[in-house]
Amino acid sequence: QVQLVESGGGLVQAGGSLRLSCAASGRTFSNYAMGWFRQAPGKEREFVSAISWSGDSTYYAGSVKGRFTISRDNAKNTGYLQMNSLEPEDTAVYYCAAKPLGIATTPASYFYWGQGTQVTVSS
């Protein structure tokens, strides 16, 4: 089992920045790829970004590429999502997730999920 807890969400104006954190406990975090997903009201959960267990490989949804940066610190069992140039369309609950082996972009591929953190971007 891997337990994940997100933090760092909040209310920010358009153009602002937030950094989300995902603290992991339980099994060795460095054995797992990590992903960030988001879900807006009335919409399906969508892929945002993912990073390999080593941090060497990253992948981004087109809508956030160039604005968001995913990273991880395995020594601290923590993953991060730096979000810059935020837009109202980024408003959603953000979830981190973990899976063994390589990165993936579909929610069904991930075994473990956090409870989510709300990000609200005002115009």
N, C-alpha and C. Protein backbone atom coordinates (compact mmCIF):
# COMPACT_ATOMS: atom_id res chain seq x y z
N GLN A 1 0.82 -1.21 0.00
CA GLN A 1 0.00 0.00 0.00
C GLN A 1 0.85 1.25 0.00
N VAL A 2 0.41 2.24 -0.73
CA VAL A 2 1.03 3.57 -0.72
C VAL A 2 -0.06 4.56 -0.36
N GLN A 3 0.19 5.36 0.64
CA GLN A 3 -0.74 6.41 1.01
C GLN A 3 -0.22 7.74 0.47
N LEU A 4 -1.11 8.50 -0.12
CA LEU A 4 -0.74 9.77 -0.75
C LEU A 4 -1.59 10.90 -0.17
N VAL A 5 -0.93 12.01 0.14
CA VAL A 5 -1.63 13.17 0.67
C VAL A 5 -1.17 14.40 -0.09
N GLU A 6 -2.11 15.06 -0.74
CA GLU A 6 -1.81 16.28 -1.48
C GLU A 6 -1.95 17.50 -0.58
N SER A 7 -1.21 18.53 -0.93
CA SER A 7 -1.33 19.82 -0.24
C SER A 7 -0.88 20.91 -1.19
N GLY A 8 -1.17 22.15 -0.82
CA GLY A 8 -0.69 23.28 -1.60
C GLY A 8 -1.73 23.94 -2.48
N GLY A 9 -2.94 23.40 -2.51
CA GLY A 9 -3.97 24.04 -3.30
C GLY A 9 -4.45 25.33 -2.66
N GLY A 10 -5.28 26.06 -3.38
CA GLY A 10 -5.80 27.30 -2.85
C GLY A 10 -6.42 28.15 -3.94
N LEU A 11 -6.67 29.40 -3.58
CA LEU A 11 -7.25 30.37 -4.50
C LEU A 11 -6.16 31.30 -5.00
N VAL A 12 -6.08 31.48 -6.29
CA VAL A 12 -5.06 32.35 -6.88
C VAL A 12 -5.65 33.08 -8.07
N GLN A 13 -5.13 34.26 -8.34
CA GLN A 13 -5.59 35.01 -9.50
C GLN A 13 -4.95 34.47 -10.78
N ALA A 14 -5.62 34.69 -11.87
CA ALA A 14 -5.07 34.29 -13.17
C ALA A 14 -3.68 34.90 -13.36
N GLY A 15 -2.79 34.07 -13.87
CA GLY A 15 -1.41 34.49 -14.03
C GLY A 15 -0.52 34.14 -12.85
N GLY A 16 -1.13 33.73 -11.76
CA GLY A 16 -0.37 33.39 -10.56
C GLY A 16 0.18 31.99 -10.59
N SER A 17 0.79 31.61 -9.47
CA SER A 17 1.45 30.30 -9.37
C SER A 17 1.05 29.60 -8.07
N LEU A 18 1.11 28.30 -8.12
CA LEU A 18 0.95 27.45 -6.95
C LEU A 18 1.88 26.25 -7.11
N ARG A 19 2.31 25.71 -5.97
CA ARG A 19 3.06 24.46 -6.01
C ARG A 19 2.33 23.43 -5.18
N LEU A 20 1.94 22.36 -5.81
CA LEU A 20 1.29 21.26 -5.13
C LEU A 20 2.33 20.25 -4.68
N SER A 21 2.08 19.66 -3.53
CA SER A 21 2.95 18.60 -3.02
C SER A 21 2.13 17.33 -2.83
N CYS A 22 2.81 16.21 -2.96
CA CYS A 22 2.18 14.90 -2.76
C CYS A 22 3.10 14.09 -1.86
N ALA A 23 2.72 13.96 -0.60
CA ALA A 23 3.53 13.23 0.37
C ALA A 23 3.11 11.76 0.38
N ALA A 24 4.09 10.88 0.24
CA ALA A 24 3.81 9.45 0.18
C ALA A 24 4.31 8.74 1.43
N SER A 25 3.59 7.73 1.81
CA SER A 25 4.02 6.86 2.92
C SER A 25 3.61 5.43 2.60
N GLY A 26 4.17 4.51 3.35
CA GLY A 26 3.87 3.11 3.09
C GLY A 26 5.02 2.47 2.34
N ARG A 27 4.75 1.87 1.24
CA ARG A 27 5.79 1.22 0.45
C ARG A 27 6.74 2.24 -0.15
N THR A 28 7.88 1.76 -0.60
CA THR A 28 8.93 2.64 -1.09
C THR A 28 8.44 3.47 -2.27
N PHE A 29 8.37 4.76 -2.04
CA PHE A 29 7.85 5.69 -3.05
C PHE A 29 8.67 5.65 -4.32
N SER A 30 9.96 5.44 -4.20
CA SER A 30 10.82 5.47 -5.37
C SER A 30 10.58 4.29 -6.31
N ASN A 31 9.79 3.33 -5.90
CA ASN A 31 9.46 2.20 -6.78
C ASN A 31 8.32 2.51 -7.73
N TYR A 32 7.71 3.68 -7.58
CA TYR A 32 6.49 3.97 -8.29
C TYR A 32 6.61 5.21 -9.17
N ALA A 33 6.01 5.12 -10.34
CA ALA A 33 5.80 6.32 -11.14
C ALA A 33 4.67 7.13 -10.50
N MET A 34 4.69 8.43 -10.73
CA MET A 34 3.69 9.30 -10.12
C MET A 34 3.01 10.13 -11.18
N GLY A 35 1.72 10.33 -11.00
CA GLY A 35 0.98 11.16 -11.94
C GLY A 35 0.15 12.19 -11.20
N TRP A 36 -0.15 13.26 -11.89
CA TRP A 36 -1.11 14.27 -11.41
C TRP A 36 -2.29 14.30 -12.37
N PHE A 37 -3.46 14.31 -11.80
CA PHE A 37 -4.71 14.40 -12.56
C PHE A 37 -5.55 15.52 -11.96
N ARG A 38 -6.55 15.95 -12.70
CA ARG A 38 -7.46 16.95 -12.17
C ARG A 38 -8.88 16.67 -12.63
N GLN A 39 -9.81 17.15 -11.85
CA GLN A 39 -11.22 16.96 -12.17
C GLN A 39 -12.00 18.21 -11.82
N ALA A 40 -12.59 18.80 -12.83
CA ALA A 40 -13.44 19.96 -12.65
C ALA A 40 -14.89 19.49 -12.49
N PRO A 41 -15.73 20.32 -11.88
CA PRO A 41 -17.13 19.93 -11.69
C PRO A 41 -17.80 19.56 -13.00
N GLY A 42 -18.47 18.41 -13.01
CA GLY A 42 -19.19 17.98 -14.19
C GLY A 42 -18.32 17.40 -15.29
N LYS A 43 -17.03 17.28 -15.03
CA LYS A 43 -16.12 16.76 -16.07
C LYS A 43 -15.43 15.49 -15.57
N GLU A 44 -14.89 14.75 -16.51
CA GLU A 44 -14.15 13.55 -16.16
C GLU A 44 -12.76 13.93 -15.65
N ARG A 45 -12.20 13.00 -14.89
CA ARG A 45 -10.83 13.21 -14.41
C ARG A 45 -9.89 13.16 -15.60
N GLU A 46 -8.99 14.14 -15.67
CA GLU A 46 -8.10 14.21 -16.81
C GLU A 46 -6.64 14.23 -16.39
N PHE A 47 -5.81 13.69 -17.26
CA PHE A 47 -4.38 13.63 -17.03
C PHE A 47 -3.77 15.03 -17.10
N VAL A 48 -2.82 15.29 -16.20
CA VAL A 48 -2.09 16.55 -16.20
C VAL A 48 -0.61 16.31 -16.50
N SER A 49 0.00 15.43 -15.72
CA SER A 49 1.44 15.21 -15.87
C SER A 49 1.82 13.91 -15.17
N ALA A 50 2.97 13.35 -15.57
CA ALA A 50 3.48 12.14 -14.93
C ALA A 50 4.99 12.15 -14.94
N ILE A 51 5.57 11.42 -13.99
CA ILE A 51 7.02 11.35 -13.87
C ILE A 51 7.40 9.93 -13.52
N SER A 52 8.50 9.47 -14.09
CA SER A 52 8.97 8.12 -13.81
C SER A 52 9.50 7.99 -12.40
N TRP A 53 9.76 6.75 -11.97
CA TRP A 53 10.22 6.53 -10.61
C TRP A 53 11.54 7.24 -10.34
N SER A 54 12.38 7.33 -11.35
CA SER A 54 13.69 7.96 -11.18
C SER A 54 13.65 9.46 -11.37
N GLY A 55 12.60 9.95 -11.99
CA GLY A 55 12.52 11.36 -12.32
C GLY A 55 13.11 11.69 -13.67
N ASP A 56 13.64 10.70 -14.36
CA ASP A 56 14.30 10.96 -15.65
C ASP A 56 13.32 11.22 -16.79
N SER A 57 12.13 10.69 -16.65
CA SER A 57 11.14 10.86 -17.71
C SER A 57 9.92 11.59 -17.19
N THR A 58 9.46 12.56 -17.96
CA THR A 58 8.26 13.31 -17.60
C THR A 58 7.36 13.43 -18.83
N TYR A 59 6.08 13.67 -18.57
CA TYR A 59 5.13 13.81 -19.67
C TYR A 59 4.04 14.78 -19.22
N TYR A 60 3.56 15.59 -20.16
CA TYR A 60 2.58 16.62 -19.84
C TYR A 60 1.41 16.60 -20.82
N ALA A 61 0.26 16.94 -20.31
CA ALA A 61 -0.87 17.20 -21.19
C ALA A 61 -0.58 18.47 -21.98
N GLY A 62 -1.09 18.53 -23.18
CA GLY A 62 -0.83 19.69 -24.01
C GLY A 62 -1.30 21.00 -23.41
N SER A 63 -2.38 20.93 -22.63
CA SER A 63 -2.96 22.14 -22.06
C SER A 63 -2.10 22.77 -20.97
N VAL A 64 -1.14 22.02 -20.42
CA VAL A 64 -0.32 22.55 -19.33
C VAL A 64 1.16 22.60 -19.69
N LYS A 65 1.54 22.03 -20.82
CA LYS A 65 2.94 21.99 -21.20
C LYS A 65 3.49 23.39 -21.32
N GLY A 66 4.64 23.61 -20.72
CA GLY A 66 5.25 24.92 -20.73
C GLY A 66 4.84 25.79 -19.56
N ARG A 67 3.78 25.41 -18.86
CA ARG A 67 3.33 26.17 -17.68
C ARG A 67 3.52 25.39 -16.38
N PHE A 68 3.36 24.09 -16.43
CA PHE A 68 3.49 23.23 -15.25
C PHE A 68 4.77 22.43 -15.32
N THR A 69 5.34 22.15 -14.14
CA THR A 69 6.54 21.32 -14.05
C THR A 69 6.36 20.29 -12.95
N ILE A 70 6.55 19.03 -13.31
CA ILE A 70 6.45 17.94 -12.35
C ILE A 70 7.85 17.56 -11.89
N SER A 71 7.97 17.20 -10.63
CA SER A 71 9.26 16.77 -10.09
C SER A 71 9.00 15.87 -8.89
N ARG A 72 10.08 15.28 -8.40
CA ARG A 72 9.94 14.42 -7.22
C ARG A 72 11.26 14.41 -6.45
N ASP A 73 11.14 14.17 -5.17
CA ASP A 73 12.31 14.02 -4.30
C ASP A 73 12.12 12.71 -3.56
N ASN A 74 12.74 11.66 -4.05
CA ASN A 74 12.52 10.34 -3.46
C ASN A 74 13.08 10.24 -2.04
N ALA A 75 14.09 11.03 -1.75
CA ALA A 75 14.62 11.03 -0.38
C ALA A 75 13.60 11.55 0.62
N LYS A 76 12.70 12.41 0.15
CA LYS A 76 11.66 12.98 1.00
C LYS A 76 10.30 12.31 0.78
N ASN A 77 10.27 11.33 -0.11
CA ASN A 77 9.00 10.65 -0.43
C ASN A 77 7.93 11.65 -0.85
N THR A 78 8.30 12.59 -1.65
CA THR A 78 7.37 13.67 -2.01
C THR A 78 7.48 13.98 -3.49
N GLY A 79 6.33 14.20 -4.10
CA GLY A 79 6.27 14.67 -5.47
C GLY A 79 5.70 16.08 -5.50
N TYR A 80 5.96 16.76 -6.61
CA TYR A 80 5.55 18.17 -6.70
C TYR A 80 4.96 18.46 -8.08
N LEU A 81 4.11 19.47 -8.10
CA LEU A 81 3.63 20.01 -9.36
C LEU A 81 3.67 21.53 -9.24
N GLN A 82 4.63 22.13 -9.92
CA GLN A 82 4.74 23.59 -9.95
C GLN A 82 3.86 24.10 -11.07
N MET A 83 2.93 24.97 -10.73
CA MET A 83 1.97 25.47 -11.70
C MET A 83 2.15 26.98 -11.83
N ASN A 84 2.54 27.41 -13.02
CA ASN A 84 2.73 28.83 -13.30
C ASN A 84 1.73 29.29 -14.36
N SER A 85 1.59 30.59 -14.47
CA SER A 85 0.68 31.18 -15.47
C SER A 85 -0.69 30.52 -15.42
N LEU A 86 -1.22 30.41 -14.24
CA LEU A 86 -2.49 29.72 -14.07
C LEU A 86 -3.63 30.46 -14.76
N GLU A 87 -4.56 29.68 -15.25
CA GLU A 87 -5.72 30.19 -15.98
C GLU A 87 -6.99 29.71 -15.29
N PRO A 88 -8.09 30.43 -15.45
CA PRO A 88 -9.35 29.96 -14.84
C PRO A 88 -9.70 28.53 -15.25
N GLU A 89 -9.30 28.14 -16.44
CA GLU A 89 -9.58 26.78 -16.91
C GLU A 89 -8.81 25.72 -16.14
N ASP A 90 -7.85 26.12 -15.35
CA ASP A 90 -7.10 25.17 -14.52
C ASP A 90 -7.82 24.86 -13.21
N THR A 91 -8.92 25.54 -12.96
CA THR A 91 -9.67 25.30 -11.73
C THR A 91 -10.19 23.87 -11.69
N ALA A 92 -9.85 23.17 -10.61
CA ALA A 92 -10.24 21.75 -10.48
C ALA A 92 -9.73 21.24 -9.14
N VAL A 93 -10.16 20.03 -8.82
CA VAL A 93 -9.52 19.28 -7.74
C VAL A 93 -8.36 18.51 -8.36
N TYR A 94 -7.19 18.65 -7.77
CA TYR A 94 -5.99 18.01 -8.28
C TYR A 94 -5.65 16.80 -7.42
N TYR A 95 -5.38 15.69 -8.09
CA TYR A 95 -5.06 14.44 -7.42
C TYR A 95 -3.67 13.97 -7.83
N CYS A 96 -2.95 13.42 -6.87
CA CYS A 96 -1.74 12.69 -7.24
C CYS A 96 -2.04 11.20 -7.16
N ALA A 97 -1.29 10.44 -7.93
CA ALA A 97 -1.52 9.00 -8.01
C ALA A 97 -0.19 8.30 -8.24
N ALA A 98 -0.14 7.02 -7.91
CA ALA A 98 1.10 6.25 -8.05
C ALA A 98 0.81 4.90 -8.68
N LYS A 99 1.77 4.43 -9.44
CA LYS A 99 1.65 3.13 -10.09
C LYS A 99 3.03 2.51 -10.21
N PRO A 100 3.10 1.21 -10.20
CA PRO A 100 4.39 0.57 -10.45
C PRO A 100 4.77 0.68 -11.92
N LEU A 101 6.03 0.41 -12.20
CA LEU A 101 6.56 0.40 -13.56
C LEU A 101 6.48 1.80 -14.17
N GLY A 102 6.23 1.88 -15.47
CA GLY A 102 6.38 3.13 -16.18
C GLY A 102 5.21 4.09 -16.02
N ILE A 103 5.40 5.29 -16.55
CA ILE A 103 4.35 6.30 -16.46
C ILE A 103 3.21 5.96 -17.40
N ALA A 104 2.06 6.53 -17.11
CA ALA A 104 0.87 6.32 -17.92
C ALA A 104 0.01 7.58 -17.83
N THR A 105 -0.91 7.70 -18.77
CA THR A 105 -1.76 8.89 -18.82
C THR A 105 -3.22 8.62 -18.50
N THR A 106 -3.56 7.37 -18.27
CA THR A 106 -4.96 7.04 -17.99
C THR A 106 -5.16 6.78 -16.50
N PRO A 107 -6.21 7.33 -15.91
CA PRO A 107 -6.45 7.12 -14.48
C PRO A 107 -6.52 5.65 -14.09
N ALA A 108 -7.09 4.83 -14.94
CA ALA A 108 -7.26 3.42 -14.60
C ALA A 108 -5.93 2.69 -14.41
N SER A 109 -4.84 3.27 -14.91
CA SER A 109 -3.53 2.64 -14.79
C SER A 109 -2.91 2.80 -13.42
N TYR A 110 -3.44 3.72 -12.64
CA TYR A 110 -2.84 4.05 -11.35
C TYR A 110 -3.52 3.30 -10.21
N PHE A 111 -2.67 2.78 -9.29
CA PHE A 111 -3.17 1.94 -8.22
C PHE A 111 -3.59 2.76 -7.00
N TYR A 112 -2.84 3.79 -6.71
CA TYR A 112 -3.03 4.53 -5.46
C TYR A 112 -3.34 5.99 -5.75
N TRP A 113 -4.23 6.55 -4.94
CA TRP A 113 -4.69 7.91 -5.14
C TRP A 113 -4.75 8.67 -3.82
N GLY A 114 -4.47 9.98 -3.90
CA GLY A 114 -4.70 10.85 -2.78
C GLY A 114 -6.14 11.33 -2.77
N GLN A 115 -6.47 12.14 -1.78
CA GLN A 115 -7.83 12.65 -1.62
C GLN A 115 -8.09 13.89 -2.45
N GLY A 116 -7.05 14.52 -2.93
CA GLY A 116 -7.22 15.69 -3.78
C GLY A 116 -7.06 17.01 -3.03
N THR A 117 -6.70 18.03 -3.77
CA THR A 117 -6.59 19.39 -3.23
C THR A 117 -7.20 20.35 -4.24
N GLN A 118 -7.99 21.28 -3.74
CA GLN A 118 -8.73 22.20 -4.62
C GLN A 118 -7.82 23.33 -5.09
N VAL A 119 -7.85 23.58 -6.37
CA VAL A 119 -7.17 24.73 -6.97
C VAL A 119 -8.24 25.57 -7.66
N THR A 120 -8.33 26.83 -7.28
CA THR A 120 -9.29 27.74 -7.88
C THR A 120 -8.55 28.95 -8.42
N VAL A 121 -8.75 29.22 -9.69
CA VAL A 121 -8.08 30.35 -10.34
C VAL A 121 -9.16 31.36 -10.73
N SER A 122 -9.05 32.55 -10.19
CA SER A 122 -10.03 33.59 -10.47
C SER A 122 -9.55 34.46 -11.63
N SER A 123 -10.52 34.95 -12.40
CA SER A 123 -10.17 35.78 -13.56
C SER A 123 -10.08 37.25 -13.18
